[in-house]
Amino acid sequence: MSTYAPAPAETSSGNATTVLVLGIIGLVGGLGSCCCCLFTALAVCAPIAWYLGQRELAAIRAGRAPASGESSAKSGMILGIIGTAILALYLLGIIAYIAMVGVGVGLEALKHGGVPLPR
């Protein structure tokens, strides 16, 4: 009677799982940025997930990483792309807001005779 142990199933690499987790965190951070500026720190994970996802997919195609992590890496990369787009829109909104406030302050100062300069 001979028994043999079956070969272990190929598991996804830790990098693919990391990309997926970073993509989820980045997307949640991007969506939460409009409510609380502290979420912006989480949104920084989105571009990192995008970059690492591209690298992991390239490693899978080259045979340096297991193919079972392709779906996790691809999903994380897509979430990273979406999170990066939301972060970019949020940052453009902040820049537009600061510009509008600056114009408003300048117009108000001109209405009252300009800005008094120290002598």
Protein backbone atom coordinates (compact mmCIF):
# COMPACT_ATOMS: atom_id res chain seq x y z
CA MET A 1 0.00 0.00 0.00
CA SER A 2 1.60 3.18 -1.13
CA THR A 3 0.36 6.58 -0.20
CA TYR A 4 1.49 9.82 -1.53
CA ALA A 5 0.74 13.36 -0.56
CA PRO A 6 -0.90 15.43 -3.26
CA ALA A 7 1.04 18.42 -4.48
CA PRO A 8 0.06 21.59 -2.64
CA ALA A 9 -2.27 23.86 -4.55
CA GLU A 10 -0.69 26.96 -5.97
CA THR A 11 -1.67 29.93 -3.85
CA SER A 12 -1.64 33.54 -4.84
CA SER A 13 1.32 35.62 -3.88
CA GLY A 14 1.24 38.03 -0.98
CA ASN A 15 1.80 40.89 -3.41
CA ALA A 16 -1.52 40.26 -5.16
CA THR A 17 -3.35 40.30 -1.84
CA THR A 18 -1.51 43.47 -0.81
CA VAL A 19 -2.57 45.16 -4.05
CA LEU A 20 -6.20 44.21 -3.42
CA VAL A 21 -6.15 45.48 0.17
CA LEU A 22 -4.45 48.75 -0.84
CA GLY A 23 -6.98 49.20 -3.65
CA ILE A 24 -9.91 48.79 -1.24
CA ILE A 25 -8.36 51.17 1.30
CA GLY A 26 -7.58 53.72 -1.41
CA LEU A 27 -11.11 53.60 -2.81
CA VAL A 28 -12.69 53.99 0.64
CA GLY A 29 -10.30 56.86 1.37
CA GLY A 30 -11.12 58.56 -1.92
CA LEU A 31 -14.85 58.27 -1.38
CA GLY A 32 -14.57 59.46 2.22
CA SER A 33 -12.41 62.47 1.36
CA CYS A 34 -15.45 64.60 0.58
CA CYS A 35 -16.73 64.10 4.13
CA CYS A 36 -13.54 64.28 6.16
CA CYS A 37 -10.09 65.44 5.11
CA LEU A 38 -8.48 62.70 7.22
CA PHE A 39 -9.65 60.15 4.65
CA THR A 40 -7.28 61.76 2.15
CA ALA A 41 -4.40 60.00 3.91
CA LEU A 42 -6.09 56.69 3.10
CA ALA A 43 -6.71 57.76 -0.49
CA VAL A 44 -2.94 57.89 -1.06
CA CYS A 45 -3.06 54.06 -1.07
CA ALA A 46 -4.92 54.14 -4.42
CA PRO A 47 -1.99 55.22 -6.66
CA ILE A 48 0.25 52.79 -4.77
CA ALA A 49 -2.20 49.96 -5.50
CA TRP A 50 -2.30 50.96 -9.16
CA TYR A 51 1.49 50.89 -9.44
CA LEU A 52 1.96 47.65 -7.49
CA GLY A 53 -0.88 46.03 -9.46
CA GLN A 54 0.86 46.79 -12.74
CA ARG A 55 4.11 45.33 -11.41
CA GLU A 56 2.39 42.20 -10.09
CA LEU A 57 0.56 41.59 -13.37
CA ALA A 58 3.84 41.97 -15.24
CA ALA A 59 5.44 39.45 -12.86
CA ILE A 60 2.57 37.03 -13.45
CA ARG A 61 2.91 37.35 -17.22
CA ALA A 62 6.67 36.82 -16.95
CA GLY A 63 6.16 33.71 -14.79
CA ARG A 64 7.83 35.15 -11.68
CA ALA A 65 4.58 35.11 -9.67
CA PRO A 66 1.80 32.51 -9.46
CA ALA A 67 -1.03 32.93 -11.94
CA SER A 68 -3.63 32.37 -9.22
CA GLY A 69 -3.03 35.93 -7.98
CA GLU A 70 -3.98 37.52 -11.30
CA SER A 71 -7.61 38.24 -10.37
CA SER A 72 -6.65 39.79 -7.03
CA ALA A 73 -3.94 41.90 -8.63
CA LYS A 74 -6.22 43.01 -11.46
CA SER A 75 -9.07 43.86 -9.08
CA GLY A 76 -6.76 45.82 -6.79
CA MET A 77 -5.28 47.68 -9.73
CA ILE A 78 -8.74 48.66 -11.02
CA LEU A 79 -9.77 49.83 -7.56
CA GLY A 80 -6.52 51.81 -7.42
CA ILE A 81 -7.30 53.47 -10.75
CA ILE A 82 -10.79 54.44 -9.59
CA GLY A 83 -9.47 55.67 -6.23
CA THR A 84 -6.75 57.70 -7.95
CA ALA A 85 -9.32 59.35 -10.22
CA ILE A 86 -11.50 60.24 -7.23
CA LEU A 87 -8.46 61.60 -5.36
CA ALA A 88 -7.50 63.72 -8.39
CA LEU A 89 -11.03 65.15 -8.62
CA TYR A 90 -10.98 65.90 -4.89
CA LEU A 91 -7.63 67.70 -5.16
CA LEU A 92 -8.86 69.71 -8.18
CA GLY A 93 -11.90 70.71 -6.14
CA ILE A 94 -9.69 71.88 -3.27
CA ILE A 95 -7.56 73.93 -5.67
CA ALA A 96 -10.67 75.49 -7.25
CA TYR A 97 -12.06 76.31 -3.80
CA ILE A 98 -8.82 77.99 -2.72
CA ALA A 99 -8.72 79.99 -5.97
CA MET A 100 -12.34 81.16 -5.52
CA VAL A 101 -11.70 82.21 -1.93
CA GLY A 102 -8.58 84.09 -3.02
CA VAL A 103 -10.48 85.95 -5.74
CA GLY A 104 -13.28 86.73 -3.28
CA VAL A 105 -10.86 88.12 -0.69
CA GLY A 106 -9.10 90.18 -3.37
CA LEU A 107 -12.37 91.65 -4.66
CA GLU A 108 -13.53 92.45 -1.15
CA ALA A 109 -10.24 94.18 -0.42
CA LEU A 110 -10.53 96.25 -3.62
CA LYS A 111 -14.09 97.20 -2.72
CA HIS A 112 -12.85 98.65 0.56
CA GLY A 113 -9.99 100.66 -0.94
CA GLY A 114 -7.35 98.00 -1.34
CA VAL A 115 -5.09 96.32 1.13
CA PRO A 116 -3.43 98.73 3.58
CA LEU A 117 0.33 98.36 3.39
CA PRO A 118 2.49 98.78 6.52
CA ARG A 119 4.74 101.83 6.56
